[in-house]
N, C-alpha and C. Protein backbone atom coordinates (compact mmCIF):
# COMPACT_ATOMS: atom_id res chain seq x y z
N MET A 1 10.73 -14.88 9.82
CA MET A 1 10.15 -13.96 8.85
C MET A 1 10.77 -12.59 9.05
N GLU A 2 11.04 -11.91 7.95
CA GLU A 2 11.63 -10.58 8.02
C GLU A 2 10.68 -9.60 8.69
N SER A 3 11.25 -8.64 9.37
CA SER A 3 10.45 -7.59 9.98
C SER A 3 9.84 -6.72 8.89
N GLY A 4 8.56 -6.44 8.98
CA GLY A 4 7.90 -5.54 8.03
C GLY A 4 7.44 -6.23 6.76
N SER A 5 7.63 -7.54 6.62
CA SER A 5 7.15 -8.21 5.42
C SER A 5 6.26 -9.38 5.82
N PHE A 6 5.34 -9.65 4.95
CA PHE A 6 4.40 -10.74 5.18
C PHE A 6 4.19 -11.44 3.85
N LYS A 7 4.44 -12.70 3.79
CA LYS A 7 4.30 -13.47 2.55
C LYS A 7 3.09 -14.37 2.65
N LEU A 8 2.26 -14.32 1.60
CA LEU A 8 1.13 -15.23 1.55
C LEU A 8 1.61 -16.60 1.11
N LYS A 9 1.10 -17.63 1.74
CA LYS A 9 1.35 -18.98 1.28
C LYS A 9 0.50 -19.19 0.03
N THR A 10 0.88 -20.14 -0.78
CA THR A 10 0.16 -20.39 -2.03
C THR A 10 -1.34 -20.54 -1.80
N ASN A 11 -1.74 -21.31 -0.79
CA ASN A 11 -3.16 -21.53 -0.56
C ASN A 11 -3.87 -20.31 0.03
N ASP A 12 -3.10 -19.32 0.52
CA ASP A 12 -3.72 -18.13 1.09
C ASP A 12 -4.22 -17.16 0.02
N TRP A 13 -3.83 -17.39 -1.24
CA TRP A 13 -4.34 -16.53 -2.31
C TRP A 13 -5.86 -16.65 -2.42
N ARG A 14 -6.41 -17.71 -1.86
CA ARG A 14 -7.87 -17.88 -1.88
C ARG A 14 -8.57 -16.74 -1.15
N LEU A 15 -7.85 -16.07 -0.26
CA LEU A 15 -8.44 -14.93 0.45
C LEU A 15 -8.89 -13.85 -0.51
N LEU A 16 -8.16 -13.69 -1.60
CA LEU A 16 -8.53 -12.66 -2.57
C LEU A 16 -9.80 -13.03 -3.35
N ARG A 17 -10.15 -14.30 -3.35
CA ARG A 17 -11.35 -14.73 -4.07
C ARG A 17 -12.61 -14.05 -3.55
N VAL A 18 -12.57 -13.59 -2.32
CA VAL A 18 -13.75 -12.92 -1.78
C VAL A 18 -14.11 -11.69 -2.62
N PHE A 19 -13.10 -11.10 -3.28
CA PHE A 19 -13.33 -9.90 -4.06
C PHE A 19 -13.70 -10.20 -5.51
N GLU A 20 -13.83 -11.48 -5.89
CA GLU A 20 -14.24 -11.80 -7.24
C GLU A 20 -15.73 -11.58 -7.44
N SER A 21 -16.46 -11.44 -6.37
CA SER A 21 -17.90 -11.19 -6.45
C SER A 21 -18.18 -9.69 -6.37
N GLY A 22 -18.84 -9.17 -7.37
CA GLY A 22 -19.22 -7.76 -7.36
C GLY A 22 -20.13 -7.42 -6.20
N VAL A 23 -20.98 -8.36 -5.81
CA VAL A 23 -21.89 -8.12 -4.69
C VAL A 23 -21.09 -7.93 -3.41
N ARG A 24 -20.10 -8.80 -3.18
CA ARG A 24 -19.31 -8.67 -1.96
C ARG A 24 -18.50 -7.37 -1.95
N VAL A 25 -17.96 -6.99 -3.09
CA VAL A 25 -17.24 -5.72 -3.16
C VAL A 25 -18.20 -4.57 -2.85
N GLU A 26 -19.39 -4.64 -3.39
CA GLU A 26 -20.39 -3.60 -3.12
C GLU A 26 -20.75 -3.55 -1.63
N ILE A 27 -20.88 -4.71 -1.01
CA ILE A 27 -21.18 -4.77 0.42
C ILE A 27 -20.04 -4.14 1.22
N VAL A 28 -18.81 -4.47 0.87
CA VAL A 28 -17.65 -3.91 1.58
C VAL A 28 -17.64 -2.40 1.42
N ARG A 29 -17.88 -1.91 0.21
CA ARG A 29 -17.92 -0.46 -0.01
C ARG A 29 -19.03 0.19 0.82
N MET A 30 -20.15 -0.49 0.91
CA MET A 30 -21.27 0.01 1.71
C MET A 30 -20.87 0.10 3.18
N LEU A 31 -20.17 -0.91 3.67
CA LEU A 31 -19.75 -0.91 5.07
C LEU A 31 -18.62 0.09 5.32
N ILE A 32 -17.86 0.42 4.31
CA ILE A 32 -16.85 1.47 4.45
C ILE A 32 -17.55 2.81 4.66
N GLU A 33 -18.68 3.02 3.95
CA GLU A 33 -19.45 4.27 4.10
C GLU A 33 -20.00 4.41 5.51
N PHE A 34 -20.53 3.31 6.04
CA PHE A 34 -21.13 3.31 7.37
C PHE A 34 -20.78 1.97 7.99
N GLU A 35 -19.98 1.92 9.00
CA GLU A 35 -19.27 0.72 9.42
C GLU A 35 -20.13 -0.42 9.96
N PHE A 36 -21.42 -0.22 10.16
CA PHE A 36 -22.25 -1.36 10.54
C PHE A 36 -23.65 -1.18 9.97
N ARG A 37 -24.24 -2.31 9.61
CA ARG A 37 -25.59 -2.33 9.05
C ARG A 37 -26.24 -3.68 9.36
N SER A 38 -27.57 -3.67 9.37
CA SER A 38 -28.29 -4.93 9.56
C SER A 38 -28.37 -5.64 8.21
N LEU A 39 -28.65 -6.92 8.26
CA LEU A 39 -28.79 -7.71 7.04
C LEU A 39 -29.90 -7.13 6.17
N SER A 40 -31.00 -6.71 6.78
CA SER A 40 -32.11 -6.12 6.03
C SER A 40 -31.69 -4.83 5.35
N GLU A 41 -30.92 -3.98 6.04
CA GLU A 41 -30.43 -2.73 5.44
C GLU A 41 -29.51 -3.03 4.26
N ILE A 42 -28.61 -3.98 4.46
CA ILE A 42 -27.67 -4.34 3.39
C ILE A 42 -28.45 -4.80 2.16
N SER A 43 -29.42 -5.66 2.40
CA SER A 43 -30.23 -6.17 1.30
C SER A 43 -30.98 -5.05 0.58
N GLY A 44 -31.56 -4.13 1.35
CA GLY A 44 -32.29 -3.01 0.77
C GLY A 44 -31.41 -2.08 -0.05
N ILE A 45 -30.23 -1.79 0.48
CA ILE A 45 -29.29 -0.90 -0.23
C ILE A 45 -28.80 -1.58 -1.51
N LEU A 46 -28.52 -2.89 -1.43
CA LEU A 46 -28.09 -3.62 -2.62
C LEU A 46 -29.17 -3.54 -3.70
N GLU A 47 -30.42 -3.69 -3.29
CA GLU A 47 -31.51 -3.63 -4.26
C GLU A 47 -31.60 -2.25 -4.90
N LYS A 48 -31.44 -1.19 -4.11
CA LYS A 48 -31.44 0.17 -4.66
C LYS A 48 -30.30 0.38 -5.64
N ARG A 49 -29.18 -0.33 -5.43
CA ARG A 49 -28.00 -0.20 -6.30
C ARG A 49 -28.04 -1.18 -7.47
N GLY A 50 -29.16 -1.87 -7.63
CA GLY A 50 -29.34 -2.73 -8.81
C GLY A 50 -29.04 -4.20 -8.62
N TRP A 51 -28.78 -4.63 -7.40
CA TRP A 51 -28.50 -6.04 -7.14
C TRP A 51 -29.76 -6.68 -6.57
N LYS A 52 -30.43 -7.51 -7.32
CA LYS A 52 -31.64 -8.21 -6.85
C LYS A 52 -31.22 -9.52 -6.20
N MET A 53 -31.41 -9.60 -4.87
CA MET A 53 -31.01 -10.80 -4.14
C MET A 53 -31.99 -11.07 -3.01
N THR A 54 -32.10 -12.34 -2.67
CA THR A 54 -32.90 -12.71 -1.50
C THR A 54 -32.05 -12.47 -0.25
N LEU A 55 -32.71 -12.43 0.91
CA LEU A 55 -31.97 -12.28 2.16
C LEU A 55 -30.99 -13.44 2.36
N SER A 56 -31.41 -14.64 1.98
CA SER A 56 -30.51 -15.79 2.15
C SER A 56 -29.30 -15.66 1.22
N GLY A 57 -29.48 -15.08 0.04
CA GLY A 57 -28.35 -14.84 -0.86
C GLY A 57 -27.38 -13.84 -0.28
N VAL A 58 -27.91 -12.77 0.29
CA VAL A 58 -27.06 -11.76 0.93
C VAL A 58 -26.34 -12.38 2.13
N LEU A 59 -27.05 -13.20 2.88
CA LEU A 59 -26.48 -13.86 4.05
C LEU A 59 -25.27 -14.73 3.66
N LYS A 60 -25.36 -15.43 2.53
CA LYS A 60 -24.24 -16.25 2.07
C LYS A 60 -23.01 -15.38 1.81
N HIS A 61 -23.22 -14.22 1.19
CA HIS A 61 -22.10 -13.31 0.94
C HIS A 61 -21.53 -12.78 2.25
N MET A 62 -22.39 -12.49 3.21
CA MET A 62 -21.93 -11.99 4.51
C MET A 62 -21.08 -13.05 5.21
N LYS A 63 -21.49 -14.31 5.11
CA LYS A 63 -20.72 -15.39 5.74
C LYS A 63 -19.34 -15.51 5.10
N GLU A 64 -19.24 -15.31 3.79
CA GLU A 64 -17.93 -15.34 3.11
C GLU A 64 -17.04 -14.21 3.61
N LEU A 65 -17.62 -13.02 3.76
CA LEU A 65 -16.85 -11.87 4.27
C LEU A 65 -16.44 -12.09 5.72
N GLU A 66 -17.33 -12.73 6.47
CA GLU A 66 -17.04 -13.01 7.87
C GLU A 66 -15.93 -14.07 8.00
N LYS A 67 -15.97 -15.06 7.11
CA LYS A 67 -15.00 -16.15 7.15
C LYS A 67 -13.56 -15.66 7.00
N ILE A 68 -13.34 -14.58 6.22
CA ILE A 68 -11.97 -14.10 6.04
C ILE A 68 -11.66 -12.88 6.91
N GLY A 69 -12.59 -12.54 7.81
CA GLY A 69 -12.29 -11.52 8.81
C GLY A 69 -12.52 -10.08 8.39
N ILE A 70 -13.29 -9.87 7.32
CA ILE A 70 -13.58 -8.49 6.90
C ILE A 70 -14.75 -7.93 7.70
N VAL A 71 -15.71 -8.79 8.04
CA VAL A 71 -16.84 -8.35 8.86
C VAL A 71 -17.00 -9.30 10.05
N ARG A 72 -17.70 -8.81 11.03
CA ARG A 72 -18.14 -9.65 12.15
C ARG A 72 -19.61 -9.36 12.36
N SER A 73 -20.30 -10.29 12.95
CA SER A 73 -21.74 -10.10 13.15
C SER A 73 -22.10 -10.25 14.60
N GLU A 74 -23.19 -9.59 14.95
CA GLU A 74 -23.78 -9.75 16.27
C GLU A 74 -25.27 -9.94 16.02
N ALA A 75 -25.76 -11.11 16.35
CA ALA A 75 -27.13 -11.48 16.04
C ALA A 75 -28.14 -10.72 16.88
N GLY A 76 -29.00 -10.03 16.23
CA GLY A 76 -30.16 -9.41 16.84
C GLY A 76 -29.90 -8.53 18.05
N ILE A 77 -28.80 -7.79 18.07
CA ILE A 77 -28.51 -7.00 19.26
C ILE A 77 -29.51 -5.88 19.49
N PHE A 78 -30.21 -5.46 18.42
CA PHE A 78 -31.21 -4.40 18.58
C PHE A 78 -32.63 -4.95 18.52
N ALA A 79 -32.76 -6.27 18.51
CA ALA A 79 -34.08 -6.88 18.44
C ALA A 79 -34.41 -7.54 19.78
N GLU A 80 -35.72 -7.58 20.09
CA GLU A 80 -36.14 -8.21 21.34
C GLU A 80 -36.01 -9.73 21.23
N THR A 81 -36.25 -10.28 20.04
CA THR A 81 -36.11 -11.71 19.81
C THR A 81 -35.09 -11.91 18.69
N PRO A 82 -34.35 -13.00 18.73
CA PRO A 82 -33.37 -13.25 17.67
C PRO A 82 -34.03 -13.29 16.30
N ASP A 83 -33.46 -12.57 15.36
CA ASP A 83 -34.01 -12.47 14.01
C ASP A 83 -32.83 -12.21 13.08
N ALA A 84 -32.60 -13.13 12.12
CA ALA A 84 -31.44 -13.01 11.22
C ALA A 84 -31.45 -11.68 10.48
N ARG A 85 -32.65 -11.18 10.17
CA ARG A 85 -32.73 -9.90 9.43
C ARG A 85 -32.20 -8.74 10.26
N LYS A 86 -32.21 -8.90 11.57
CA LYS A 86 -31.75 -7.84 12.46
C LYS A 86 -30.28 -8.01 12.86
N THR A 87 -29.65 -9.08 12.36
CA THR A 87 -28.23 -9.29 12.65
C THR A 87 -27.46 -8.08 12.14
N ILE A 88 -26.58 -7.58 12.97
CA ILE A 88 -25.78 -6.40 12.62
C ILE A 88 -24.40 -6.88 12.18
N TYR A 89 -23.96 -6.35 11.04
CA TYR A 89 -22.63 -6.67 10.52
C TYR A 89 -21.74 -5.45 10.65
N PHE A 90 -20.57 -5.69 11.22
CA PHE A 90 -19.59 -4.62 11.45
C PHE A 90 -18.38 -4.84 10.54
N LEU A 91 -17.87 -3.78 9.99
CA LEU A 91 -16.65 -3.84 9.20
C LEU A 91 -15.47 -3.92 10.16
N GLU A 92 -14.56 -4.84 9.92
CA GLU A 92 -13.38 -5.00 10.76
C GLU A 92 -12.17 -4.37 10.06
N GLY A 93 -11.52 -3.44 10.68
CA GLY A 93 -10.31 -2.84 10.13
C GLY A 93 -10.57 -2.00 8.90
N ARG A 94 -11.37 -0.98 9.05
CA ARG A 94 -11.79 -0.15 7.91
C ARG A 94 -10.62 0.33 7.06
N GLU A 95 -9.59 0.87 7.69
CA GLU A 95 -8.45 1.40 6.94
C GLU A 95 -7.75 0.30 6.16
N ARG A 96 -7.61 -0.87 6.78
CA ARG A 96 -6.97 -2.01 6.11
C ARG A 96 -7.80 -2.44 4.90
N VAL A 97 -9.10 -2.54 5.08
CA VAL A 97 -9.98 -2.99 4.00
C VAL A 97 -9.98 -1.96 2.86
N GLU A 98 -10.03 -0.68 3.19
CA GLU A 98 -9.95 0.36 2.16
C GLU A 98 -8.65 0.24 1.37
N LYS A 99 -7.57 0.00 2.10
CA LYS A 99 -6.26 -0.14 1.46
C LYS A 99 -6.23 -1.34 0.51
N VAL A 100 -6.81 -2.45 0.95
CA VAL A 100 -6.87 -3.64 0.10
C VAL A 100 -7.66 -3.35 -1.17
N LEU A 101 -8.83 -2.75 -1.03
CA LEU A 101 -9.64 -2.42 -2.21
C LEU A 101 -8.89 -1.49 -3.15
N GLN A 102 -8.22 -0.50 -2.60
CA GLN A 102 -7.46 0.44 -3.41
C GLN A 102 -6.35 -0.28 -4.17
N HIS A 103 -5.64 -1.17 -3.47
CA HIS A 103 -4.56 -1.92 -4.13
C HIS A 103 -5.10 -2.84 -5.22
N ILE A 104 -6.20 -3.50 -4.94
CA ILE A 104 -6.78 -4.38 -5.95
C ILE A 104 -7.12 -3.57 -7.20
N GLN A 105 -7.68 -2.39 -7.01
CA GLN A 105 -8.03 -1.56 -8.16
C GLN A 105 -6.80 -1.03 -8.88
N SER A 106 -5.90 -0.37 -8.14
CA SER A 106 -4.79 0.32 -8.79
C SER A 106 -3.64 -0.59 -9.19
N ASP A 107 -3.39 -1.64 -8.42
CA ASP A 107 -2.24 -2.49 -8.68
C ASP A 107 -2.58 -3.77 -9.43
N ILE A 108 -3.85 -4.12 -9.50
CA ILE A 108 -4.22 -5.36 -10.17
C ILE A 108 -5.22 -5.09 -11.30
N ALA A 109 -6.39 -4.55 -10.95
CA ALA A 109 -7.45 -4.38 -11.94
C ALA A 109 -7.06 -3.38 -13.04
N ASP A 110 -6.51 -2.24 -12.68
CA ASP A 110 -6.16 -1.24 -13.69
C ASP A 110 -5.09 -1.74 -14.66
N PRO A 111 -3.97 -2.31 -14.18
CA PRO A 111 -2.98 -2.83 -15.13
C PRO A 111 -3.51 -3.97 -15.99
N LEU A 112 -4.28 -4.89 -15.39
CA LEU A 112 -4.84 -5.98 -16.18
C LEU A 112 -5.86 -5.46 -17.18
N GLY A 113 -6.65 -4.47 -16.79
CA GLY A 113 -7.62 -3.86 -17.71
C GLY A 113 -6.91 -3.17 -18.87
N ALA A 114 -5.79 -2.51 -18.60
CA ALA A 114 -5.01 -1.87 -19.66
C ALA A 114 -4.49 -2.92 -20.63
N GLY A 115 -4.02 -4.04 -20.10
CA GLY A 115 -3.55 -5.13 -20.95
C GLY A 115 -4.66 -5.71 -21.80
N LEU A 116 -5.84 -5.83 -21.23
CA LEU A 116 -6.99 -6.34 -21.97
C LEU A 116 -7.37 -5.38 -23.09
N MET A 117 -7.35 -4.09 -22.80
CA MET A 117 -7.67 -3.08 -23.81
C MET A 117 -6.64 -3.11 -24.94
N PHE A 118 -5.36 -3.22 -24.57
CA PHE A 118 -4.30 -3.30 -25.58
C PHE A 118 -4.50 -4.54 -26.44
N ASN A 119 -4.86 -5.66 -25.82
CA ASN A 119 -5.10 -6.90 -26.55
C ASN A 119 -6.21 -6.74 -27.58
N GLU A 120 -7.29 -6.07 -27.21
CA GLU A 120 -8.39 -5.83 -28.15
C GLU A 120 -7.92 -4.96 -29.32
N ALA A 121 -7.16 -3.92 -29.00
CA ALA A 121 -6.62 -3.06 -30.06
C ALA A 121 -5.68 -3.86 -30.96
N SER A 122 -4.89 -4.73 -30.36
CA SER A 122 -3.95 -5.55 -31.10
C SER A 122 -4.65 -6.45 -32.11
N LYS A 123 -5.76 -7.06 -31.71
CA LYS A 123 -6.52 -7.92 -32.62
C LYS A 123 -7.00 -7.13 -33.84
N LEU A 124 -7.56 -5.97 -33.61
CA LEU A 124 -8.05 -5.15 -34.72
C LEU A 124 -6.89 -4.64 -35.59
N ALA A 125 -5.80 -4.28 -34.95
CA ALA A 125 -4.65 -3.76 -35.69
C ALA A 125 -4.05 -4.85 -36.58
N ARG A 126 -4.02 -6.08 -36.09
CA ARG A 126 -3.52 -7.18 -36.93
C ARG A 126 -4.43 -7.40 -38.12
N GLN A 127 -5.73 -7.22 -37.93
CA GLN A 127 -6.65 -7.31 -39.05
C GLN A 127 -6.36 -6.21 -40.06
N LEU A 128 -6.07 -5.02 -39.56
CA LEU A 128 -5.75 -3.88 -40.41
C LEU A 128 -4.47 -4.16 -41.21
N GLN A 129 -3.48 -4.72 -40.54
CA GLN A 129 -2.21 -5.01 -41.21
C GLN A 129 -2.39 -6.06 -42.30
N GLY A 130 -3.30 -7.00 -42.10
CA GLY A 130 -3.51 -8.05 -43.09
C GLY A 130 -4.49 -7.69 -44.18
N ALA A 131 -5.23 -6.63 -43.99
CA ALA A 131 -6.25 -6.24 -44.98
C ALA A 131 -5.62 -5.38 -46.07
N ARG A 132 -5.94 -5.68 -47.29
CA ARG A 132 -5.37 -4.92 -48.41
C ARG A 132 -6.04 -3.56 -48.55
N HIS A 133 -7.30 -3.48 -48.18
CA HIS A 133 -8.03 -2.23 -48.36
C HIS A 133 -8.44 -1.59 -47.04
N GLY A 134 -7.81 -2.00 -45.96
CA GLY A 134 -8.13 -1.43 -44.66
C GLY A 134 -9.31 -2.11 -44.01
N LEU A 135 -9.71 -1.59 -42.90
CA LEU A 135 -10.84 -2.14 -42.15
C LEU A 135 -12.13 -1.47 -42.58
N ALA A 136 -13.24 -2.16 -42.34
CA ALA A 136 -14.54 -1.55 -42.57
C ALA A 136 -14.69 -0.35 -41.64
N GLY A 137 -15.57 0.58 -42.00
CA GLY A 137 -15.74 1.81 -41.23
C GLY A 137 -15.95 1.59 -39.75
N GLU A 138 -16.81 0.63 -39.40
CA GLU A 138 -17.12 0.38 -37.99
C GLU A 138 -15.88 -0.17 -37.26
N GLU A 139 -15.17 -1.10 -37.90
CA GLU A 139 -13.96 -1.65 -37.28
C GLU A 139 -12.89 -0.58 -37.13
N ARG A 140 -12.77 0.27 -38.13
CA ARG A 140 -11.78 1.36 -38.08
C ARG A 140 -12.10 2.31 -36.92
N ASN A 141 -13.37 2.64 -36.78
CA ASN A 141 -13.80 3.51 -35.67
C ASN A 141 -13.53 2.84 -34.32
N GLN A 142 -13.77 1.54 -34.25
CA GLN A 142 -13.53 0.81 -33.01
C GLN A 142 -12.04 0.81 -32.68
N LEU A 143 -11.20 0.59 -33.71
CA LEU A 143 -9.75 0.62 -33.48
C LEU A 143 -9.30 2.01 -33.07
N GLU A 144 -9.82 3.02 -33.72
CA GLU A 144 -9.47 4.40 -33.37
C GLU A 144 -9.81 4.69 -31.91
N SER A 145 -10.98 4.24 -31.49
CA SER A 145 -11.41 4.44 -30.10
C SER A 145 -10.50 3.69 -29.13
N LEU A 146 -10.17 2.44 -29.46
CA LEU A 146 -9.29 1.66 -28.58
C LEU A 146 -7.89 2.26 -28.51
N LEU A 147 -7.37 2.74 -29.65
CA LEU A 147 -6.06 3.38 -29.63
C LEU A 147 -6.06 4.63 -28.76
N ALA A 148 -7.12 5.42 -28.88
CA ALA A 148 -7.23 6.64 -28.06
C ALA A 148 -7.25 6.29 -26.57
N LYS A 149 -7.99 5.26 -26.22
CA LYS A 149 -8.04 4.84 -24.81
C LYS A 149 -6.68 4.33 -24.35
N CYS A 150 -6.01 3.54 -25.21
CA CYS A 150 -4.68 3.01 -24.86
C CYS A 150 -3.66 4.13 -24.70
N GLU A 151 -3.82 5.21 -25.46
CA GLU A 151 -2.89 6.32 -25.40
C GLU A 151 -3.19 7.29 -24.25
N SER A 152 -4.36 7.13 -23.64
CA SER A 152 -4.71 7.99 -22.51
C SER A 152 -3.74 7.74 -21.36
N GLU A 153 -3.52 8.73 -20.54
CA GLU A 153 -2.60 8.62 -19.40
C GLU A 153 -3.03 7.48 -18.47
N GLU A 154 -4.32 7.34 -18.27
CA GLU A 154 -4.86 6.34 -17.35
C GLU A 154 -4.46 4.92 -17.75
N VAL A 155 -4.46 4.64 -19.05
CA VAL A 155 -4.13 3.30 -19.54
C VAL A 155 -2.65 3.20 -19.89
N SER A 156 -2.12 4.21 -20.55
CA SER A 156 -0.75 4.20 -21.06
C SER A 156 0.28 3.92 -19.96
N ARG A 157 0.03 4.41 -18.77
CA ARG A 157 1.01 4.22 -17.68
C ARG A 157 1.17 2.76 -17.29
N HIS A 158 0.22 1.91 -17.71
CA HIS A 158 0.29 0.49 -17.39
C HIS A 158 0.84 -0.35 -18.55
N LEU A 159 1.08 0.28 -19.70
CA LEU A 159 1.57 -0.46 -20.86
C LEU A 159 3.09 -0.52 -20.86
N THR A 160 3.62 -1.56 -21.48
CA THR A 160 5.07 -1.70 -21.59
C THR A 160 5.59 -0.78 -22.70
N ALA A 161 6.88 -0.59 -22.72
CA ALA A 161 7.49 0.24 -23.77
C ALA A 161 7.22 -0.37 -25.14
N ASP A 162 7.29 -1.69 -25.25
CA ASP A 162 7.01 -2.37 -26.52
C ASP A 162 5.56 -2.13 -26.97
N GLU A 163 4.65 -2.21 -26.04
CA GLU A 163 3.24 -1.98 -26.38
C GLU A 163 3.02 -0.55 -26.86
N LYS A 164 3.67 0.41 -26.24
CA LYS A 164 3.56 1.81 -26.65
C LYS A 164 4.11 2.01 -28.05
N LYS A 165 5.21 1.30 -28.39
CA LYS A 165 5.76 1.38 -29.74
C LYS A 165 4.77 0.82 -30.75
N LYS A 166 4.12 -0.26 -30.40
CA LYS A 166 3.13 -0.85 -31.30
C LYS A 166 1.96 0.10 -31.54
N LEU A 167 1.54 0.82 -30.51
CA LEU A 167 0.47 1.81 -30.67
C LEU A 167 0.87 2.85 -31.71
N LYS A 168 2.11 3.33 -31.63
CA LYS A 168 2.60 4.33 -32.60
C LYS A 168 2.61 3.75 -34.01
N LEU A 169 3.05 2.51 -34.15
CA LEU A 169 3.07 1.85 -35.45
C LEU A 169 1.67 1.75 -36.02
N TRP A 170 0.71 1.34 -35.20
CA TRP A 170 -0.65 1.20 -35.67
C TRP A 170 -1.24 2.55 -36.08
N ARG A 171 -0.87 3.59 -35.36
CA ARG A 171 -1.30 4.94 -35.73
C ARG A 171 -0.77 5.30 -37.12
N MET A 172 0.49 4.98 -37.37
CA MET A 172 1.10 5.29 -38.67
C MET A 172 0.41 4.49 -39.79
N ILE A 173 0.15 3.22 -39.52
CA ILE A 173 -0.53 2.39 -40.52
C ILE A 173 -1.92 2.93 -40.82
N MET A 174 -2.63 3.36 -39.79
CA MET A 174 -3.97 3.92 -39.99
C MET A 174 -3.91 5.19 -40.83
N ALA A 175 -2.88 5.99 -40.63
CA ALA A 175 -2.73 7.23 -41.38
C ALA A 175 -2.47 6.94 -42.86
N ILE A 176 -1.74 5.86 -43.14
CA ILE A 176 -1.40 5.51 -44.52
C ILE A 176 -2.60 4.92 -45.25
N ILE A 177 -3.35 4.06 -44.56
CA ILE A 177 -4.48 3.35 -45.21
C ILE A 177 -5.74 4.19 -45.20
């Protein structure tokens, strides 16, 4: 293997599946804020943030995070008797985990979200191109909003040159109709 490079095997892409759950991402973010918490604390904080879950549900998510090495646990280290609610979960490799979350957001989620937004605008624009009298007011407003979002710096930087040309064309068509 080359120095400084690491290649995932095809089956190792499953590691990223841990981040498909919003609850697990929220737990990781919580542990980034404070690197260790008990299961009861995690459950309570999740509930305050709008995630209604049982302790056993939270425990399943913790086991998934533990399985891929993002957290480790120590059962009841602050309790006189073993108690799963008192199990302490520690974040492993805070900087690495922060970096992974940042990459998932900026290198995967943002570009894919921009493509999804462009796709929605494209559907409405094709309707506009096929309509003899233009779009209904609500659809026109929706297209206008989507075009504005697609033209924003945040989204536009993820679009291809061809997609940007299409945005300009749709703007011209909207101005004519």
